[in-house]
Amino acid sequence: MKNQSSALDDYPPDAETVDMSSPYAQKILFFYCHQCKQYEEKTSPHYRNQKQRFSRRRKKEKLKSSQAEQSA
């Protein structure tokens, strides 16, 4: 893995973050909430709800595409 640094990093990668699959040393703590139309912390209850909505939608699309392949 390449040793990448970001201008946003306040500290260099440590032993815990060196082997992470992400090139960033810091964890992403915020997400864009589509309900509020702004960035919020991942501790917000909207984060879990949004993940569940997106997961249900992806599952539904996958099921629909597999049924279309079987009928074709």
PDB file of N, CA and C in Angstrom:
ATOM      1  N   MET A   1       0.839  -1.186   0.000  1.00  0.00           N
ATOM      2  CA  MET A   1       0.000   0.000   0.000  1.00  0.00           C
ATOM      3  C   MET A   1       0.881   1.245   0.000  1.00  0.00           C
ATOM      4  N   LYS A   2       0.464   2.229  -0.783  1.00  0.00           N
ATOM      5  CA  LYS A   2       1.210   3.481  -0.822  1.00  0.00           C
ATOM      6  C   LYS A   2       0.997   4.250   0.470  1.00  0.00           C
ATOM      7  N   ASN A   3       2.005   4.979   0.852  1.00  0.00           N
ATOM      8  CA  ASN A   3       1.882   5.815   2.037  1.00  0.00           C
ATOM      9  C   ASN A   3       1.392   7.180   1.587  1.00  0.00           C
ATOM     10  N   GLN A   4       0.089   7.414   1.696  1.00  0.00           N
ATOM     11  CA  GLN A   4      -0.505   8.670   1.270  1.00  0.00           C
ATOM     12  C   GLN A   4      -0.838   9.513   2.486  1.00  0.00           C
ATOM     13  N   SER A   5      -0.703  10.806   2.322  1.00  0.00           N
ATOM     14  CA  SER A   5      -1.107  11.699   3.396  1.00  0.00           C
ATOM     15  C   SER A   5      -2.025  12.755   2.813  1.00  0.00           C
ATOM     16  N   SER A   6      -2.860  13.262   3.638  1.00  0.00           N
ATOM     17  CA  SER A   6      -3.823  14.269   3.243  1.00  0.00           C
ATOM     18  C   SER A   6      -3.513  15.559   3.988  1.00  0.00           C
ATOM     19  N   ALA A   7      -3.862  16.668   3.373  1.00  0.00           N
ATOM     20  CA  ALA A   7      -3.666  17.955   4.029  1.00  0.00           C
ATOM     21  C   ALA A   7      -4.573  18.080   5.254  1.00  0.00           C
ATOM     22  N   LEU A   8      -5.619  17.260   5.298  1.00  0.00           N
ATOM     23  CA  LEU A   8      -6.556  17.316   6.419  1.00  0.00           C
ATOM     24  C   LEU A   8      -6.104  16.483   7.610  1.00  0.00           C
ATOM     25  N   ASP A   9      -5.103  15.637   7.419  1.00  0.00           N
ATOM     26  CA  ASP A   9      -4.628  14.797   8.512  1.00  0.00           C
ATOM     27  C   ASP A   9      -3.848  15.631   9.525  1.00  0.00           C
ATOM     28  N   ASP A  10      -4.243  15.533  10.785  1.00  0.00           N
ATOM     29  CA  ASP A  10      -3.538  16.251  11.845  1.00  0.00           C
ATOM     30  C   ASP A  10      -2.403  15.419  12.411  1.00  0.00           C
ATOM     31  N   TYR A  11      -2.398  14.133  12.104  1.00  0.00           N
ATOM     32  CA  TYR A  11      -1.380  13.256  12.653  1.00  0.00           C
ATOM     33  C   TYR A  11      -1.023  12.194  11.621  1.00  0.00           C
ATOM     34  N   PRO A  12       0.182  11.673  11.671  1.00  0.00           N
ATOM     35  CA  PRO A  12       0.582  10.638  10.711  1.00  0.00           C
ATOM     36  C   PRO A  12      -0.101   9.308  11.036  1.00  0.00           C
ATOM     37  N   PRO A  13      -0.150   8.396  10.072  1.00  0.00           N
ATOM     38  CA  PRO A  13      -0.747   7.087  10.348  1.00  0.00           C
ATOM     39  C   PRO A  13       0.002   6.365  11.464  1.00  0.00           C
ATOM     40  N   ASP A  14      -0.734   5.653  12.288  1.00  0.00           N
ATOM     41  CA  ASP A  14      -0.100   4.892  13.357  1.00  0.00           C
ATOM     42  C   ASP A  14      -0.248   3.394  13.076  1.00  0.00           C
ATOM     43  N   ALA A  15       0.122   2.573  14.019  1.00  0.00           N
ATOM     44  CA  ALA A  15       0.113   1.123  13.826  1.00  0.00           C
ATOM     45  C   ALA A  15      -1.286   0.600  13.509  1.00  0.00           C
ATOM     46  N   GLU A  16      -2.327   1.250  14.032  1.00  0.00           N
ATOM     47  CA  GLU A  16      -3.700   0.789  13.795  1.00  0.00           C
ATOM     48  C   GLU A  16      -4.174   1.132  12.393  1.00  0.00           C
ATOM     49  N   THR A  17      -3.727   2.250  11.851  1.00  0.00           N
ATOM     50  CA  THR A  17      -4.259   2.718  10.575  1.00  0.00           C
ATOM     51  C   THR A  17      -3.378   2.394   9.383  1.00  0.00           C
ATOM     52  N   VAL A  18      -2.164   1.902   9.594  1.00  0.00           N
ATOM     53  CA  VAL A  18      -1.262   1.620   8.483  1.00  0.00           C
ATOM     54  C   VAL A  18      -1.819   0.529   7.576  1.00  0.00           C
ATOM     55  N   ASP A  19      -2.394  -0.512   8.139  1.00  0.00           N
ATOM     56  CA  ASP A  19      -2.874  -1.638   7.346  1.00  0.00           C
ATOM     57  C   ASP A  19      -4.330  -1.516   6.927  1.00  0.00           C
ATOM     58  N   MET A  20      -4.934  -0.381   7.125  1.00  0.00           N
ATOM     59  CA  MET A  20      -6.325  -0.201   6.729  1.00  0.00           C
ATOM     60  C   MET A  20      -6.421  -0.162   5.206  1.00  0.00           C
ATOM     61  N   SER A  21      -7.540  -0.599   4.672  1.00  0.00           N
ATOM     62  CA  SER A  21      -7.720  -0.611   3.221  1.00  0.00           C
ATOM     63  C   SER A  21      -7.912   0.808   2.678  1.00  0.00           C
ATOM     64  N   SER A  22      -8.327   1.716   3.522  1.00  0.00           N
ATOM     65  CA  SER A  22      -8.516   3.104   3.117  1.00  0.00           C
ATOM     66  C   SER A  22      -7.178   3.843   3.147  1.00  0.00           C
ATOM     67  N   PRO A  23      -6.951   4.747   2.190  1.00  0.00           N
ATOM     68  CA  PRO A  23      -5.700   5.480   2.186  1.00  0.00           C
ATOM     69  C   PRO A  23      -5.657   6.607   3.225  1.00  0.00           C
ATOM     70  N   TYR A  24      -6.748   6.823   3.942  1.00  0.00           N
ATOM     71  CA  TYR A  24      -6.811   7.915   4.898  1.00  0.00           C
ATOM     72  C   TYR A  24      -6.476   7.427   6.302  1.00  0.00           C
ATOM     73  N   ALA A  25      -5.776   8.233   7.060  1.00  0.00           N
ATOM     74  CA  ALA A  25      -5.405   7.860   8.422  1.00  0.00           C
ATOM     75  C   ALA A  25      -6.559   8.084   9.389  1.00  0.00           C
ATOM     76  N   GLN A  26      -7.423   9.034   9.075  1.00  0.00           N
ATOM     77  CA  GLN A  26      -8.520   9.349   9.988  1.00  0.00           C
ATOM     78  C   GLN A  26      -9.790   8.648   9.547  1.00  0.00           C
ATOM     79  N   LYS A  27     -10.598   8.262  10.513  1.00  0.00           N
ATOM     80  CA  LYS A  27     -11.898   7.685  10.197  1.00  0.00           C
ATOM     81  C   LYS A  27     -12.834   8.799   9.761  1.00  0.00           C
ATOM     82  N   ILE A  28     -13.761   8.466   8.892  1.00  0.00           N
ATOM     83  CA  ILE A  28     -14.747   9.454   8.437  1.00  0.00           C
ATOM     84  C   ILE A  28     -15.858   9.488   9.466  1.00  0.00           C
ATOM     85  N   LEU A  29     -16.053  10.639  10.081  1.00  0.00           N
ATOM     86  CA  LEU A  29     -17.002  10.768  11.182  1.00  0.00           C
ATOM     87  C   LEU A  29     -18.317  11.407  10.770  1.00  0.00           C
ATOM     88  N   PHE A  30     -18.387  11.941   9.548  1.00  0.00           N
ATOM     89  CA  PHE A  30     -19.585  12.643   9.106  1.00  0.00           C
ATOM     90  C   PHE A  30     -20.137  12.002   7.847  1.00  0.00           C
ATOM     91  N   PHE A  31     -21.403  12.235   7.592  1.00  0.00           N
ATOM     92  CA  PHE A  31     -22.037  11.764   6.369  1.00  0.00           C
ATOM     93  C   PHE A  31     -23.033  12.827   5.921  1.00  0.00           C
ATOM     94  N   TYR A  32     -23.426  12.766   4.639  1.00  0.00           N
ATOM     95  CA  TYR A  32     -24.423  13.711   4.141  1.00  0.00           C
ATOM     96  C   TYR A  32     -25.794  13.114   4.374  1.00  0.00           C
ATOM     97  N   CYS A  33     -26.582  13.788   5.179  1.00  0.00           N
ATOM     98  CA  CYS A  33     -27.929  13.336   5.499  1.00  0.00           C
ATOM     99  C   CYS A  33     -28.880  13.863   4.430  1.00  0.00           C
ATOM    100  N   HIS A  34     -29.506  12.949   3.682  1.00  0.00           N
ATOM    101  CA  HIS A  34     -30.431  13.360   2.631  1.00  0.00           C
ATOM    102  C   HIS A  34     -31.731  13.897   3.208  1.00  0.00           C
ATOM    103  N   GLN A  35     -32.045  13.511   4.410  1.00  0.00           N
ATOM    104  CA  GLN A  35     -33.266  13.983   5.058  1.00  0.00           C
ATOM    105  C   GLN A  35     -33.118  15.444   5.501  1.00  0.00           C
ATOM    106  N   CYS A  36     -31.980  15.793   6.094  1.00  0.00           N
ATOM    107  CA  CYS A  36     -31.744  17.147   6.612  1.00  0.00           C
ATOM    108  C   CYS A  36     -31.078  18.064   5.587  1.00  0.00           C
ATOM    109  N   LYS A  37     -30.517  17.472   4.533  1.00  0.00           N
ATOM    110  CA  LYS A  37     -29.803  18.214   3.495  1.00  0.00           C
ATOM    111  C   LYS A  37     -28.566  18.929   4.050  1.00  0.00           C
ATOM    112  N   GLN A  38     -27.868  18.253   4.977  1.00  0.00           N
ATOM    113  CA  GLN A  38     -26.633  18.802   5.521  1.00  0.00           C
ATOM    114  C   GLN A  38     -25.771  17.663   6.071  1.00  0.00           C
ATOM    115  N   TYR A  39     -24.538  17.976   6.407  1.00  0.00           N
ATOM    116  CA  TYR A  39     -23.639  16.974   6.963  1.00  0.00           C
ATOM    117  C   TYR A  39     -23.901  16.812   8.452  1.00  0.00           C
ATOM    118  N   GLU A  40     -23.899  15.557   8.889  1.00  0.00           N
ATOM    119  CA  GLU A  40     -24.120  15.247  10.298  1.00  0.00           C
ATOM    120  C   GLU A  40     -23.107  14.204  10.747  1.00  0.00           C
ATOM    121  N   GLU A  41     -22.965  14.058  12.050  1.00  0.00           N
ATOM    122  CA  GLU A  41     -22.092  13.019  12.581  1.00  0.00           C
ATOM    123  C   GLU A  41     -22.753  11.657  12.397  1.00  0.00           C
ATOM    124  N   LYS A  42     -21.927  10.629  12.302  1.00  0.00           N
ATOM    125  CA  LYS A  42     -22.455   9.282  12.114  1.00  0.00           C
ATOM    126  C   LYS A  42     -23.167   8.755  13.352  1.00  0.00           C
ATOM    127  N   THR A  43     -23.074   9.467  14.455  1.00  0.00           N
ATOM    128  CA  THR A  43     -23.794   9.063  15.664  1.00  0.00           C
ATOM    129  C   THR A  43     -25.260   9.482  15.593  1.00  0.00           C
ATOM    130  N   SER A  44     -25.627  10.255  14.592  1.00  0.00           N
ATOM    131  CA  SER A  44     -27.005  10.696  14.415  1.00  0.00           C
ATOM    132  C   SER A  44     -27.902   9.494  14.112  1.00  0.00           C
ATOM    133  N   PRO A  45     -29.141   9.508  14.611  1.00  0.00           N
ATOM    134  CA  PRO A  45     -30.056   8.396  14.286  1.00  0.00           C
ATOM    135  C   PRO A  45     -30.385   8.329  12.794  1.00  0.00           C
ATOM    136  N   HIS A  46     -30.229   9.440  12.093  1.00  0.00           N
ATOM    137  CA  HIS A  46     -30.505   9.457  10.655  1.00  0.00           C
ATOM    138  C   HIS A  46     -29.522   8.591   9.879  1.00  0.00           C
ATOM    139  N   TYR A  47     -28.295   8.424  10.398  1.00  0.00           N
ATOM    140  CA  TYR A  47     -27.278   7.635   9.705  1.00  0.00           C
ATOM    141  C   TYR A  47     -27.732   6.183   9.561  1.00  0.00           C
ATOM    142  N   ARG A  48     -28.188   5.611  10.645  1.00  0.00           N
ATOM    143  CA  ARG A  48     -28.635   4.218  10.613  1.00  0.00           C
ATOM    144  C   ARG A  48     -29.871   4.067   9.717  1.00  0.00           C
ATOM    145  N   ASN A  49     -30.804   4.980   9.829  1.00  0.00           N
ATOM    146  CA  ASN A  49     -32.010   4.924   9.005  1.00  0.00           C
ATOM    147  C   ASN A  49     -31.670   5.021   7.523  1.00  0.00           C
ATOM    148  N   GLN A  50     -30.750   5.912   7.192  1.00  0.00           N
ATOM    149  CA  GLN A  50     -30.368   6.108   5.803  1.00  0.00           C
ATOM    150  C   GLN A  50     -29.671   4.858   5.262  1.00  0.00           C
ATOM    151  N   LYS A  51     -28.786   4.266   6.057  1.00  0.00           N
ATOM    152  CA  LYS A  51     -28.113   3.032   5.630  1.00  0.00           C
ATOM    153  C   LYS A  51     -29.132   1.924   5.382  1.00  0.00           C
ATOM    154  N   GLN A  52     -30.129   1.816   6.255  1.00  0.00           N
ATOM    155  CA  GLN A  52     -31.142   0.782   6.086  1.00  0.00           C
ATOM    156  C   GLN A  52     -31.981   1.023   4.835  1.00  0.00           C
ATOM    157  N   ARG A  53     -32.345   2.277   4.576  1.00  0.00           N
ATOM    158  CA  ARG A  53     -33.105   2.596   3.363  1.00  0.00           C
ATOM    159  C   ARG A  53     -32.320   2.237   2.109  1.00  0.00           C
ATOM    160  N   PHE A  54     -31.047   2.648   2.076  1.00  0.00           N
ATOM    161  CA  PHE A  54     -30.214   2.383   0.910  1.00  0.00           C
ATOM    162  C   PHE A  54     -30.018   0.880   0.725  1.00  0.00           C
ATOM    163  N   SER A  55     -29.850   0.156   1.823  1.00  0.00           N
ATOM    164  CA  SER A  55     -29.657  -1.296   1.759  1.00  0.00           C
ATOM    165  C   SER A  55     -30.912  -1.979   1.215  1.00  0.00           C
ATOM    166  N   ARG A  56     -32.076  -1.572   1.701  1.00  0.00           N
ATOM    167  CA  ARG A  56     -33.334  -2.146   1.205  1.00  0.00           C
ATOM    168  C   ARG A  56     -33.498  -1.875  -0.284  1.00  0.00           C
ATOM    169  N   ARG A  57     -33.156  -0.655  -0.718  1.00  0.00           N
ATOM    170  CA  ARG A  57     -33.294  -0.307  -2.131  1.00  0.00           C
ATOM    171  C   ARG A  57     -32.358  -1.152  -2.990  1.00  0.00           C
ATOM    172  N   ARG A  58     -31.092  -1.309  -2.563  1.00  0.00           N
ATOM    173  CA  ARG A  58     -30.146  -2.122  -3.327  1.00  0.00           C
ATOM    174  C   ARG A  58     -30.603  -3.582  -3.393  1.00  0.00           C
ATOM    175  N   LYS A  59     -31.112  -4.086  -2.277  1.00  0.00           N
ATOM    176  CA  LYS A  59     -31.588  -5.474  -2.232  1.00  0.00           C
ATOM    177  C   LYS A  59     -32.772  -5.657  -3.187  1.00  0.00           C
ATOM    178  N   LYS A  60     -33.677  -4.691  -3.198  1.00  0.00           N
ATOM    179  CA  LYS A  60     -34.849  -4.746  -4.070  1.00  0.00           C
ATOM    180  C   LYS A  60     -34.433  -4.704  -5.543  1.00  0.00           C
ATOM    181  N   GLU A  61     -33.480  -3.835  -5.880  1.00  0.00           N
ATOM    182  CA  GLU A  61     -32.996  -3.736  -7.261  1.00  0.00           C
ATOM    183  C   GLU A  61     -32.296  -5.022  -7.680  1.00  0.00           C
ATOM    184  N   LYS A  62     -31.517  -5.605  -6.776  1.00  0.00           N
ATOM    185  CA  LYS A  62     -30.808  -6.847  -7.085  1.00  0.00           C
ATOM    186  C   LYS A  62     -31.800  -7.981  -7.323  1.00  0.00           C
ATOM    187  N   LEU A  63     -32.830  -8.057  -6.493  1.00  0.00           N
ATOM    188  CA  LEU A  63     -33.856  -9.078  -6.640  1.00  0.00           C
ATOM    189  C   LEU A  63     -34.593  -8.903  -7.970  1.00  0.00           C
ATOM    190  N   LYS A  64     -34.912  -7.660  -8.295  1.00  0.00           N
ATOM    191  CA  LYS A  64     -35.622  -7.378  -9.539  1.00  0.00           C
ATOM    192  C   LYS A  64     -34.777  -7.765 -10.752  1.00  0.00           C
ATOM    193  N   SER A  65     -33.482  -7.458 -10.721  1.00  0.00           N
ATOM    194  CA  SER A  65     -32.618  -7.779 -11.861  1.00  0.00           C
ATOM    195  C   SER A  65     -32.425  -9.291 -11.983  1.00  0.00           C
ATOM    196  N   SER A  66     -32.348 -10.011 -10.862  1.00  0.00           N
ATOM    197  CA  SER A  66     -32.194 -11.470 -10.932  1.00  0.00           C
ATOM    198  C   SER A  66     -33.475 -12.119 -11.464  1.00  0.00           C
ATOM    199  N   GLN A  67     -34.638 -11.581 -11.126  1.00  0.00           N
ATOM    200  CA  GLN A  67     -35.897 -12.115 -11.662  1.00  0.00           C
ATOM    201  C   GLN A  67     -35.998 -11.838 -13.149  1.00  0.00           C
ATOM    202  N   ALA A  68     -35.519 -10.674 -13.592  1.00  0.00           N
ATOM    203  CA  ALA A  68     -35.564 -10.349 -15.020  1.00  0.00           C
ATOM    204  C   ALA A  68     -34.651 -11.274 -15.811  1.00  0.00           C
ATOM    205  N   GLU A  69     -33.486 -11.634 -15.239  1.00  0.00           N
ATOM    206  CA  GLU A  69     -32.555 -12.545 -15.912  1.00  0.00           C
ATOM    207  C   GLU A  69     -33.158 -13.948 -16.009  1.00  0.00           C
ATOM    208  N   GLN A  70     -33.860 -14.368 -14.967  1.00  0.00           N
ATOM    209  CA  GLN A  70     -34.449 -15.710 -14.982  1.00  0.00           C
ATOM    210  C   GLN A  70     -35.586 -15.809 -15.993  1.00  0.00           C
ATOM    211  N   SER A  71     -36.355 -14.755 -16.138  1.00  0.00           N
ATOM    212  CA  SER A  71     -37.491 -14.783 -17.067  1.00  0.00           C
ATOM    213  C   SER A  71     -37.038 -14.611 -18.518  1.00  0.00           C
ATOM    214  N   ALA A  72     -35.849 -14.074 -18.735  1.00  0.00           N
ATOM    215  CA  ALA A  72     -35.361 -13.860 -20.108  1.00  0.00           C
ATOM    216  C   ALA A  72     -34.764 -15.094 -20.718  1.00  0.00           C
TER     217      ALA A  72
END
